[in-house]
Amino acid sequence: MAEIRKADRIQQLAGAEDYIIDASATGIALTIGKDDPVVQGKEVLLEVSGGSKSVQLRADVVYVKKTESGEKQAGFKYLGLTDVNRNTIADMIDAYSKGVPIRAKIIR
């Protein structure tokens, strides 16, 4: 049975490469490039930013899927979060609810 997240999260509905689909205090889902070599079960480094804040986070690739429209999406679970990182993510999600955009990209 899949684990259900208990953290607050945001969702965006448009699609583009590195576009955030869903974000929470525990993970993030992105639309990624069709040729992006992201593999389920591997670890990546993400950069998440919003407003004047930015944080680099290690994350596990939880899933990679292709949508009916042909977009490629991947879900990531943050690894080894510090209290500072948790607070930064929570602040970004809160700011998003007030209109401040959040961006994310895979660094490696």
C-alpha atoms as a PDB file:
ATOM      1  CA  MET A   1       0.000   0.000   0.000  1.00  0.00           C
ATOM      2  CA  ALA A   2       1.330   3.451  -0.929  1.00  0.00           C
ATOM      3  CA  GLU A   3       2.340   5.777   1.869  1.00  0.00           C
ATOM      4  CA  ILE A   4       0.026   8.770   2.254  1.00  0.00           C
ATOM      5  CA  ARG A   5       1.672  12.135   2.869  1.00  0.00           C
ATOM      6  CA  LYS A   6       0.413  14.030   5.868  1.00  0.00           C
ATOM      7  CA  ALA A   7       2.164  17.340   5.031  1.00  0.00           C
ATOM      8  CA  ASP A   8       0.498  20.404   3.550  1.00  0.00           C
ATOM      9  CA  ARG A   9       1.200  20.710  -0.154  1.00  0.00           C
ATOM     10  CA  ILE A  10       0.563  22.813  -3.211  1.00  0.00           C
ATOM     11  CA  GLN A  11      -0.417  21.798  -6.718  1.00  0.00           C
ATOM     12  CA  GLN A  12       0.049  23.543 -10.056  1.00  0.00           C
ATOM     13  CA  LEU A  13      -1.812  22.448 -13.141  1.00  0.00           C
ATOM     14  CA  ALA A  14       0.186  23.614 -16.197  1.00  0.00           C
ATOM     15  CA  GLY A  15       3.042  21.650 -17.728  1.00  0.00           C
ATOM     16  CA  ALA A  16       6.571  22.540 -18.797  1.00  0.00           C
ATOM     17  CA  GLU A  17      10.005  21.059 -18.169  1.00  0.00           C
ATOM     18  CA  ASP A  18      11.018  21.361 -14.503  1.00  0.00           C
ATOM     19  CA  TYR A  19       7.500  22.606 -13.715  1.00  0.00           C
ATOM     20  CA  ILE A  20       6.240  21.828 -10.224  1.00  0.00           C
ATOM     21  CA  ILE A  21       3.156  19.622 -10.227  1.00  0.00           C
ATOM     22  CA  ASP A  22       2.972  19.050  -6.487  1.00  0.00           C
ATOM     23  CA  ALA A  23       5.132  20.181  -3.566  1.00  0.00           C
ATOM     24  CA  SER A  24       5.070  19.492   0.153  1.00  0.00           C
ATOM     25  CA  ALA A  25       7.391  19.586   3.145  1.00  0.00           C
ATOM     26  CA  THR A  26       8.441  15.994   2.378  1.00  0.00           C
ATOM     27  CA  GLY A  27       8.785  15.927  -1.406  1.00  0.00           C
ATOM     28  CA  ILE A  28       8.058  17.360  -4.823  1.00  0.00           C
ATOM     29  CA  ALA A  29       6.786  16.227  -8.224  1.00  0.00           C
ATOM     30  CA  LEU A  30       8.012  17.805 -11.464  1.00  0.00           C
ATOM     31  CA  THR A  31       7.402  17.641 -15.177  1.00  0.00           C
ATOM     32  CA  ILE A  32      10.839  16.747 -16.542  1.00  0.00           C
ATOM     33  CA  GLY A  33      12.434  16.652 -19.969  1.00  0.00           C
ATOM     34  CA  LYS A  34      11.548  13.642 -22.128  1.00  0.00           C
ATOM     35  CA  ASP A  35      15.228  12.733 -22.430  1.00  0.00           C
ATOM     36  CA  ASP A  36      16.055  13.396 -18.767  1.00  0.00           C
ATOM     37  CA  PRO A  37      17.830  10.282 -17.398  1.00  0.00           C
ATOM     38  CA  VAL A  38      15.944  10.267 -14.066  1.00  0.00           C
ATOM     39  CA  VAL A  39      15.503   6.680 -12.789  1.00  0.00           C
ATOM     40  CA  GLN A  40      13.190   5.454 -10.044  1.00  0.00           C
ATOM     41  CA  GLY A  41      15.116   4.483  -6.898  1.00  0.00           C
ATOM     42  CA  LYS A  42      18.119   6.697  -7.662  1.00  0.00           C
ATOM     43  CA  GLU A  43      19.218   9.740  -5.684  1.00  0.00           C
ATOM     44  CA  VAL A  44      19.332  13.216  -7.250  1.00  0.00           C
ATOM     45  CA  LEU A  45      20.211  16.720  -6.127  1.00  0.00           C
ATOM     46  CA  LEU A  46      17.402  19.275  -6.480  1.00  0.00           C
ATOM     47  CA  GLU A  47      17.438  23.034  -6.219  1.00  0.00           C
ATOM     48  CA  VAL A  48      14.141  24.473  -4.969  1.00  0.00           C
ATOM     49  CA  SER A  49      13.640  28.226  -4.844  1.00  0.00           C
ATOM     50  CA  GLY A  50      10.886  30.682  -4.085  1.00  0.00           C
ATOM     51  CA  GLY A  51      11.095  34.427  -3.579  1.00  0.00           C
ATOM     52  CA  SER A  52      14.516  35.218  -2.118  1.00  0.00           C
ATOM     53  CA  LYS A  53      14.999  31.703  -0.684  1.00  0.00           C
ATOM     54  CA  SER A  54      16.781  28.785  -2.310  1.00  0.00           C
ATOM     55  CA  VAL A  55      17.837  25.386  -1.025  1.00  0.00           C
ATOM     56  CA  GLN A  56      19.660  22.382  -2.491  1.00  0.00           C
ATOM     57  CA  LEU A  57      18.259  19.044  -1.347  1.00  0.00           C
ATOM     58  CA  ARG A  58      19.125  15.399  -1.835  1.00  0.00           C
ATOM     59  CA  ALA A  59      16.080  13.427  -2.937  1.00  0.00           C
ATOM     60  CA  ASP A  60      15.113   9.874  -3.831  1.00  0.00           C
ATOM     61  CA  VAL A  61      13.262   9.370  -7.128  1.00  0.00           C
ATOM     62  CA  VAL A  62       9.990   7.745  -6.024  1.00  0.00           C
ATOM     63  CA  TYR A  63       8.399   7.436  -9.464  1.00  0.00           C
ATOM     64  CA  VAL A  64       8.843   8.333 -13.125  1.00  0.00           C
ATOM     65  CA  LYS A  65       5.855   8.209 -15.461  1.00  0.00           C
ATOM     66  CA  LYS A  66       4.688   9.392 -18.840  1.00  0.00           C
ATOM     67  CA  THR A  67       1.304  11.138 -18.958  1.00  0.00           C
ATOM     68  CA  GLU A  68      -1.376  10.615 -21.600  1.00  0.00           C
ATOM     69  CA  SER A  69      -0.295  13.914 -23.175  1.00  0.00           C
ATOM     70  CA  GLY A  70       3.274  12.578 -23.496  1.00  0.00           C
ATOM     71  CA  GLU A  71       4.841  14.621 -20.701  1.00  0.00           C
ATOM     72  CA  LYS A  72       7.327  12.908 -18.410  1.00  0.00           C
ATOM     73  CA  GLN A  73       6.809  13.394 -14.668  1.00  0.00           C
ATOM     74  CA  ALA A  74       8.871  12.372 -11.652  1.00  0.00           C
ATOM     75  CA  GLY A  75       8.177  12.382  -7.928  1.00  0.00           C
ATOM     76  CA  PHE A  76      10.919  12.959  -5.371  1.00  0.00           C
ATOM     77  CA  LYS A  77      11.122  12.404  -1.607  1.00  0.00           C
ATOM     78  CA  TYR A  78      13.558  14.674   0.220  1.00  0.00           C
ATOM     79  CA  LEU A  79      16.394  12.940   2.089  1.00  0.00           C
ATOM     80  CA  GLY A  80      18.253  14.040   5.222  1.00  0.00           C
ATOM     81  CA  LEU A  81      16.381  17.300   5.743  1.00  0.00           C
ATOM     82  CA  THR A  82      17.757  19.601   8.401  1.00  0.00           C
ATOM     83  CA  ASP A  83      15.447  21.742  10.524  1.00  0.00           C
ATOM     84  CA  VAL A  84      16.649  24.777   8.557  1.00  0.00           C
ATOM     85  CA  ASN A  85      15.740  23.079   5.244  1.00  0.00           C
ATOM     86  CA  ARG A  86      12.318  22.049   6.603  1.00  0.00           C
ATOM     87  CA  ASN A  87      11.616  25.620   7.684  1.00  0.00           C
ATOM     88  CA  THR A  88      12.796  27.025   4.337  1.00  0.00           C
ATOM     89  CA  ILE A  89      10.500  24.654   2.419  1.00  0.00           C
ATOM     90  CA  ALA A  90       7.572  25.478   4.713  1.00  0.00           C
ATOM     91  CA  ASP A  91       8.223  29.209   4.181  1.00  0.00           C
ATOM     92  CA  MET A  92       8.309  28.746   0.386  1.00  0.00           C
ATOM     93  CA  ILE A  93       5.026  26.812   0.394  1.00  0.00           C
ATOM     94  CA  ASP A  94       3.445  29.466   2.601  1.00  0.00           C
ATOM     95  CA  ALA A  95       4.726  32.236   0.307  1.00  0.00           C
ATOM     96  CA  TYR A  96       3.364  30.364  -2.731  1.00  0.00           C
ATOM     97  CA  SER A  97      -0.107  30.498  -1.182  1.00  0.00           C
ATOM     98  CA  LYS A  98       0.350  34.298  -1.225  1.00  0.00           C
ATOM     99  CA  GLY A  99       1.377  34.422  -4.891  1.00  0.00           C
ATOM    100  CA  VAL A 100       5.166  33.944  -4.746  1.00  0.00           C
ATOM    101  CA  PRO A 101       6.199  31.400  -7.425  1.00  0.00           C
ATOM    102  CA  ILE A 102       8.275  28.330  -6.562  1.00  0.00           C
ATOM    103  CA  ARG A 103      10.780  26.834  -8.996  1.00  0.00           C
ATOM    104  CA  ALA A 104      12.673  23.563  -8.903  1.00  0.00           C
ATOM    105  CA  LYS A 105      15.276  21.879 -11.062  1.00  0.00           C
ATOM    106  CA  ILE A 106      17.362  18.753 -11.040  1.00  0.00           C
ATOM    107  CA  ILE A 107      21.021  19.653 -10.615  1.00  0.00           C
ATOM    108  CA  ARG A 108      22.387  16.125 -10.921  1.00  0.00           C
END
